[in-house]
C-alpha atoms as a PDB file:
ATOM      1  CA  MET A   1       0.000   0.000   0.000  1.00  0.00           C
ATOM      2  CA  PHE A   2       2.822   2.401   0.898  1.00  0.00           C
ATOM      3  CA  VAL A   3       4.522   1.702  -2.459  1.00  0.00           C
ATOM      4  CA  LYS A   4       1.362   2.640  -4.377  1.00  0.00           C
ATOM      5  CA  ALA A   5       0.918   5.863  -2.391  1.00  0.00           C
ATOM      6  CA  ASN A   6       4.602   6.760  -2.873  1.00  0.00           C
ATOM      7  CA  TRP A   7       4.300   6.162  -6.632  1.00  0.00           C
ATOM      8  CA  LEU A   8       1.136   8.269  -6.793  1.00  0.00           C
ATOM      9  CA  LEU A   9       2.804  11.084  -4.855  1.00  0.00           C
ATOM     10  CA  ARG A  10       5.737  11.064  -7.287  1.00  0.00           C
ATOM     11  CA  ALA A  11       3.373  11.157 -10.257  1.00  0.00           C
ATOM     12  CA  PHE A  12       1.608  14.217  -8.820  1.00  0.00           C
ATOM     13  CA  ALA A  13       4.970  15.877  -8.144  1.00  0.00           C
ATOM     14  CA  VAL A  14       6.100  15.300 -11.742  1.00  0.00           C
ATOM     15  CA  CYS A  15       2.792  16.674 -13.089  1.00  0.00           C
ATOM     16  CA  GLY A  16       3.037  19.705 -10.804  1.00  0.00           C
ATOM     17  CA  LEU A  17       6.607  20.377 -11.910  1.00  0.00           C
ATOM     18  CA  ALA A  18       5.529  20.110 -15.554  1.00  0.00           C
ATOM     19  CA  VAL A  19       2.786  22.690 -14.984  1.00  0.00           C
ATOM     20  CA  ILE A  20       5.179  25.066 -13.229  1.00  0.00           C
ATOM     21  CA  LEU A  21       7.797  24.753 -15.967  1.00  0.00           C
ATOM     22  CA  SER A  22       5.286  25.131 -18.763  1.00  0.00           C
ATOM     23  CA  GLY A  23       3.853  28.435 -17.472  1.00  0.00           C
ATOM     24  CA  CYS A  24       0.359  29.726 -18.002  1.00  0.00           C
ATOM     25  CA  ALA A  25      -1.188  29.949 -21.438  1.00  0.00           C
ATOM     26  CA  THR A  26      -1.982  33.380 -22.841  1.00  0.00           C
ATOM     27  CA  GLY A  27      -4.223  34.208 -25.761  1.00  0.00           C
ATOM     28  CA  ALA A  28      -3.069  35.338 -29.166  1.00  0.00           C
ATOM     29  CA  ARG A  29      -2.264  39.056 -29.305  1.00  0.00           C
ATOM     30  CA  THR A  30      -4.008  41.261 -31.858  1.00  0.00           C
ATOM     31  CA  GLY A  31      -0.876  43.138 -32.891  1.00  0.00           C
ATOM     32  CA  ALA A  32       1.019  39.935 -33.590  1.00  0.00           C
ATOM     33  CA  MET A  33      -1.800  38.679 -35.857  1.00  0.00           C
ATOM     34  CA  THR A  34      -2.088  41.957 -37.794  1.00  0.00           C
ATOM     35  CA  VAL A  35      -0.571  41.962 -41.284  1.00  0.00           C
ATOM     36  CA  PRO A  36       2.017  44.747 -41.491  1.00  0.00           C
ATOM     37  CA  VAL A  37       1.929  47.349 -44.244  1.00  0.00           C
ATOM     38  CA  GLY A  38       3.259  45.837 -47.419  1.00  0.00           C
ATOM     39  CA  GLY A  39       3.962  47.485 -50.751  1.00  0.00           C
ATOM     40  CA  ASP A  40       2.374  44.708 -52.772  1.00  0.00           C
ATOM     41  CA  LEU A  41      -0.746  44.629 -50.600  1.00  0.00           C
ATOM     42  CA  ILE A  42      -1.565  48.335 -50.323  1.00  0.00           C
ATOM     43  CA  VAL A  43      -4.304  49.138 -52.797  1.00  0.00           C
ATOM     44  CA  PRO A  44      -4.046  52.298 -54.884  1.00  0.00           C
ATOM     45  CA  ASP A  45      -6.651  55.074 -54.633  1.00  0.00           C
ATOM     46  CA  ASN A  46      -8.243  54.027 -57.954  1.00  0.00           C
ATOM     47  CA  SER A  47      -8.741  50.392 -56.907  1.00  0.00           C
ATOM     48  CA  PRO A  48     -12.274  49.105 -56.227  1.00  0.00           C
ATOM     49  CA  LEU A  49     -10.870  47.812 -52.915  1.00  0.00           C
ATOM     50  CA  HIS A  50      -9.677  51.211 -51.649  1.00  0.00           C
ATOM     51  CA  ASN A  51     -11.728  52.222 -48.554  1.00  0.00           C
ATOM     52  CA  ALA A  52     -14.382  49.692 -49.574  1.00  0.00           C
ATOM     53  CA  PHE A  53     -14.641  47.189 -46.686  1.00  0.00           C
ATOM     54  CA  ARG A  54     -16.207  46.855 -43.304  1.00  0.00           C
ATOM     55  CA  VAL A  55     -15.910  43.797 -41.106  1.00  0.00           C
ATOM     56  CA  GLY A  56     -19.191  42.040 -40.361  1.00  0.00           C
ATOM     57  CA  THR A  57     -19.306  38.863 -38.301  1.00  0.00           C
ATOM     58  CA  VAL A  58     -16.196  37.148 -37.002  1.00  0.00           C
ATOM     59  CA  ASP A  59     -16.672  33.921 -35.097  1.00  0.00           C
ATOM     60  CA  GLY A  60     -15.345  30.448 -34.411  1.00  0.00           C
ATOM     61  CA  GLY A  61     -12.593  31.528 -32.028  1.00  0.00           C
ATOM     62  CA  SER A  62     -12.409  30.678 -28.365  1.00  0.00           C
ATOM     63  CA  ASP A  63     -11.025  32.279 -25.256  1.00  0.00           C
ATOM     64  CA  THR A  64      -7.814  30.978 -23.713  1.00  0.00           C
ATOM     65  CA  ASN A  65      -7.901  28.898 -20.563  1.00  0.00           C
ATOM     66  CA  PRO A  66      -4.624  29.815 -18.772  1.00  0.00           C
ATOM     67  CA  LEU A  67      -4.354  26.268 -17.416  1.00  0.00           C
ATOM     68  CA  TRP A  68      -4.707  24.620 -20.803  1.00  0.00           C
ATOM     69  CA  LYS A  69      -3.518  26.148 -24.083  1.00  0.00           C
ATOM     70  CA  SER A  70      -3.418  29.362 -26.063  1.00  0.00           C
ATOM     71  CA  ASN A  71      -6.322  30.148 -28.377  1.00  0.00           C
ATOM     72  CA  VAL A  72      -7.535  32.949 -30.631  1.00  0.00           C
ATOM     73  CA  SER A  73     -10.594  34.847 -29.417  1.00  0.00           C
ATOM     74  CA  ASP A  74     -13.234  36.207 -31.784  1.00  0.00           C
ATOM     75  CA  GLU A  75     -12.534  39.770 -30.625  1.00  0.00           C
ATOM     76  CA  ASN A  76      -8.760  39.568 -31.157  1.00  0.00           C
ATOM     77  CA  PHE A  77      -9.270  37.961 -34.572  1.00  0.00           C
ATOM     78  CA  ARG A  78     -11.768  40.697 -35.519  1.00  0.00           C
ATOM     79  CA  GLN A  79      -9.382  43.439 -34.430  1.00  0.00           C
ATOM     80  CA  ALA A  80      -6.468  41.861 -36.329  1.00  0.00           C
ATOM     81  CA  LEU A  81      -8.601  41.580 -39.490  1.00  0.00           C
ATOM     82  CA  GLU A  82      -9.823  45.185 -39.200  1.00  0.00           C
ATOM     83  CA  GLN A  83      -6.329  46.534 -38.500  1.00  0.00           C
ATOM     84  CA  SER A  84      -4.853  44.527 -41.386  1.00  0.00           C
ATOM     85  CA  LEU A  85      -7.438  45.830 -43.845  1.00  0.00           C
ATOM     86  CA  SER A  86      -6.963  49.348 -42.493  1.00  0.00           C
ATOM     87  CA  LEU A  87      -3.178  49.241 -42.907  1.00  0.00           C
ATOM     88  CA  GLN A  88      -3.634  48.191 -46.536  1.00  0.00           C
ATOM     89  CA  ALA A  89      -6.034  51.157 -47.136  1.00  0.00           C
ATOM     90  CA  MET A  90      -9.002  48.816 -47.593  1.00  0.00           C
ATOM     91  CA  ILE A  91     -11.206  49.603 -44.587  1.00  0.00           C
ATOM     92  CA  ALA A  92     -14.024  52.085 -45.171  1.00  0.00           C
ATOM     93  CA  PRO A  93     -14.194  55.135 -42.904  1.00  0.00           C
ATOM     94  CA  GLU A  94     -17.959  54.607 -42.611  1.00  0.00           C
ATOM     95  CA  ARG A  95     -20.233  52.019 -44.187  1.00  0.00           C
ATOM     96  CA  GLY A  96     -18.248  50.035 -46.760  1.00  0.00           C
ATOM     97  CA  ARG A  97     -19.292  48.861 -50.172  1.00  0.00           C
ATOM     98  CA  TYR A  98     -18.305  45.314 -49.164  1.00  0.00           C
ATOM     99  CA  THR A  99     -18.851  43.403 -45.924  1.00  0.00           C
ATOM    100  CA  VAL A 100     -16.259  40.815 -44.890  1.00  0.00           C
ATOM    101  CA  ASN A 101     -17.355  37.927 -42.689  1.00  0.00           C
ATOM    102  CA  ALA A 102     -14.823  35.474 -41.268  1.00  0.00           C
ATOM    103  CA  LYS A 103     -15.348  32.137 -39.564  1.00  0.00           C
ATOM    104  CA  LEU A 104     -12.423  30.419 -37.886  1.00  0.00           C
ATOM    105  CA  ILE A 105     -13.271  26.844 -38.822  1.00  0.00           C
ATOM    106  CA  GLU A 106     -10.267  25.181 -37.250  1.00  0.00           C
ATOM    107  CA  LEU A 107      -7.070  26.002 -35.429  1.00  0.00           C
ATOM    108  CA  ASP A 108      -5.129  22.741 -35.682  1.00  0.00           C
ATOM    109  CA  GLN A 109      -2.678  22.811 -32.784  1.00  0.00           C
ATOM    110  CA  PRO A 110      -0.136  20.282 -31.532  1.00  0.00           C
ATOM    111  CA  ILE A 111      -0.333  19.177 -27.928  1.00  0.00           C
ATOM    112  CA  ILE A 112       3.432  19.149 -27.375  1.00  0.00           C
ATOM    113  CA  GLY A 113       6.579  19.580 -29.427  1.00  0.00           C
ATOM    114  CA  PHE A 114       9.850  21.391 -29.855  1.00  0.00           C
ATOM    115  CA  ASP A 115       8.751  23.018 -33.103  1.00  0.00           C
ATOM    116  CA  MET A 116       5.022  23.731 -33.057  1.00  0.00           C
ATOM    117  CA  THR A 117       3.072  24.071 -36.282  1.00  0.00           C
ATOM    118  CA  VAL A 118      -0.426  25.498 -36.113  1.00  0.00           C
ATOM    119  CA  THR A 119      -2.696  25.525 -39.155  1.00  0.00           C
ATOM    120  CA  ALA A 120      -5.495  28.093 -39.331  1.00  0.00           C
ATOM    121  CA  LYS A 121      -8.500  27.312 -41.507  1.00  0.00           C
ATOM    122  CA  VAL A 122     -10.759  30.330 -42.046  1.00  0.00           C
ATOM    123  CA  ARG A 123     -13.774  30.784 -44.323  1.00  0.00           C
ATOM    124  CA  TYR A 124     -14.070  34.320 -45.665  1.00  0.00           C
ATOM    125  CA  THR A 125     -17.145  35.658 -47.402  1.00  0.00           C
ATOM    126  CA  VAL A 126     -17.407  39.069 -48.987  1.00  0.00           C
ATOM    127  CA  MET A 127     -20.858  40.472 -49.635  1.00  0.00           C
ATOM    128  CA  MET A 128     -21.739  43.525 -51.713  1.00  0.00           C
ATOM    129  CA  GLY A 129     -23.515  45.783 -49.204  1.00  0.00           C
ATOM    130  CA  ASP A 130     -26.626  44.006 -47.986  1.00  0.00           C
ATOM    131  CA  ALA A 131     -27.231  42.238 -51.324  1.00  0.00           C
ATOM    132  CA  PRO A 132     -27.707  38.488 -51.220  1.00  0.00           C
ATOM    133  CA  GLY A 133     -25.007  36.254 -52.631  1.00  0.00           C
ATOM    134  CA  ALA A 134     -21.301  36.394 -51.976  1.00  0.00           C
ATOM    135  CA  LYS A 135     -18.865  38.156 -54.275  1.00  0.00           C
ATOM    136  CA  PHE A 136     -16.097  36.108 -52.654  1.00  0.00           C
ATOM    137  CA  ASP A 137     -16.466  32.869 -50.694  1.00  0.00           C
ATOM    138  CA  GLU A 138     -13.346  30.894 -49.950  1.00  0.00           C
ATOM    139  CA  THR A 139     -11.771  28.850 -47.193  1.00  0.00           C
ATOM    140  CA  ILE A 140      -8.096  29.589 -46.688  1.00  0.00           C
ATOM    141  CA  GLU A 141      -5.750  27.267 -44.827  1.00  0.00           C
ATOM    142  CA  THR A 142      -2.325  28.467 -43.673  1.00  0.00           C
ATOM    143  CA  PRO A 143       0.305  26.840 -41.436  1.00  0.00           C
ATOM    144  CA  TYR A 144       2.905  28.556 -39.297  1.00  0.00           C
ATOM    145  CA  THR A 145       5.721  26.979 -37.295  1.00  0.00           C
ATOM    146  CA  ALA A 146       7.192  28.450 -34.123  1.00  0.00           C
ATOM    147  CA  ASN A 147      10.585  26.916 -33.426  1.00  0.00           C
ATOM    148  CA  PHE A 148      12.139  26.000 -30.092  1.00  0.00           C
ATOM    149  CA  SER A 149      14.561  28.897 -30.613  1.00  0.00           C
ATOM    150  CA  ASP A 150      11.580  31.322 -30.756  1.00  0.00           C
ATOM    151  CA  ALA A 151      10.493  30.550 -27.192  1.00  0.00           C
ATOM    152  CA  PHE A 152      11.696  28.171 -24.496  1.00  0.00           C
ATOM    153  CA  LEU A 153       8.260  27.523 -22.982  1.00  0.00           C
ATOM    154  CA  GLY A 154       5.844  25.367 -24.946  1.00  0.00           C
ATOM    155  CA  VAL A 155       2.847  27.582 -24.170  1.00  0.00           C
ATOM    156  CA  GLU A 156       4.709  30.583 -25.611  1.00  0.00           C
ATOM    157  CA  ARG A 157       5.657  28.661 -28.780  1.00  0.00           C
ATOM    158  CA  LEU A 158       2.021  27.652 -29.212  1.00  0.00           C
ATOM    159  CA  ARG A 159       0.866  31.269 -28.841  1.00  0.00           C
ATOM    160  CA  LEU A 160       3.473  32.403 -31.390  1.00  0.00           C
ATOM    161  CA  ALA A 161       2.373  29.661 -33.793  1.00  0.00           C
ATOM    162  CA  ASN A 162      -1.295  30.678 -33.360  1.00  0.00           C
ATOM    163  CA  GLU A 163      -0.465  34.316 -34.064  1.00  0.00           C
ATOM    164  CA  GLY A 164       1.678  33.458 -37.079  1.00  0.00           C
ATOM    165  CA  ALA A 165      -0.967  31.150 -38.569  1.00  0.00           C
ATOM    166  CA  ILE A 166      -3.705  33.793 -38.250  1.00  0.00           C
ATOM    167  CA  GLN A 167      -1.467  36.552 -39.641  1.00  0.00           C
ATOM    168  CA  ALA A 168      -0.506  34.342 -42.612  1.00  0.00           C
ATOM    169  CA  ASN A 169      -4.184  33.541 -43.140  1.00  0.00           C
ATOM    170  CA  ILE A 170      -5.274  37.192 -43.163  1.00  0.00           C
ATOM    171  CA  LYS A 171      -2.396  38.014 -45.521  1.00  0.00           C
ATOM    172  CA  ALA A 172      -3.435  35.228 -47.912  1.00  0.00           C
ATOM    173  CA  PHE A 173      -7.011  36.563 -47.806  1.00  0.00           C
ATOM    174  CA  ILE A 174      -5.867  40.103 -48.673  1.00  0.00           C
ATOM    175  CA  GLU A 175      -3.698  38.745 -51.502  1.00  0.00           C
ATOM    176  CA  LYS A 176      -6.720  36.905 -52.908  1.00  0.00           C
ATOM    177  CA  LEU A 177      -8.834  40.059 -52.653  1.00  0.00           C
ATOM    178  CA  VAL A 178      -6.191  42.048 -54.527  1.00  0.00           C
ATOM    179  CA  ALA A 179      -6.045  39.354 -57.240  1.00  0.00           C
ATOM    180  CA  ALA A 180      -9.869  39.277 -57.441  1.00  0.00           C
ATOM    181  CA  SER A 181      -9.979  43.057 -57.929  1.00  0.00           C
ATOM    182  CA  GLN A 182      -8.141  42.873 -61.228  1.00  0.00           C
ATOM    183  CA  PRO A 183     -10.201  43.655 -64.367  1.00  0.00           C
ATOM    184  CA  GLY A 184     -12.507  40.803 -65.314  1.00  0.00           C
ATOM    185  CA  GLN A 185     -12.502  39.264 -61.822  1.00  0.00           C
ATOM    186  CA  ALA A 186     -15.353  38.959 -59.289  1.00  0.00           C
ATOM    187  CA  LEU A 187     -14.594  42.084 -57.212  1.00  0.00           C
ATOM    188  CA  SER A 188     -13.589  44.348 -60.094  1.00  0.00           C
ATOM    189  CA  ALA A 189     -17.083  45.760 -60.624  1.00  0.00           C
END
């Protein structure tokens, strides 16, 4: 009986040490998910995308449980999307011609690892005002790997991988919008 209790006590001690060494999970930060200003992404004044968007619904995210793992909240994802569109001169100062809706379908995260790769899968729809039917409807999947050299603690690497995957996803979305705005494409009207 004493041997079983001693073994159980050691198991709890090892689990407790693992929790202490791993730290507490923090949610993805808006600024780290925001796509920085990029020359190839900024739309010119004469583009149909210039000051043409507003962000509608953003959902599918979840809040972070500090005792479990980092996640991306709906609000932080919304803010990162709005800031990214704004930095590329795409957000409308008032009511936009287009409404962007985003649904975070999946955030595929590893449980443990030295290098952590997170894949974000987001469905974007772009509507023309309040008109029915989407002008753009696509699911974009982007991976991002945070290496052991990026952060010692696993929870920090996971947060960095979450942020990188969302930023890469928003960037891919903006690139697709820019391509779709070319003459003869869906958003060029």
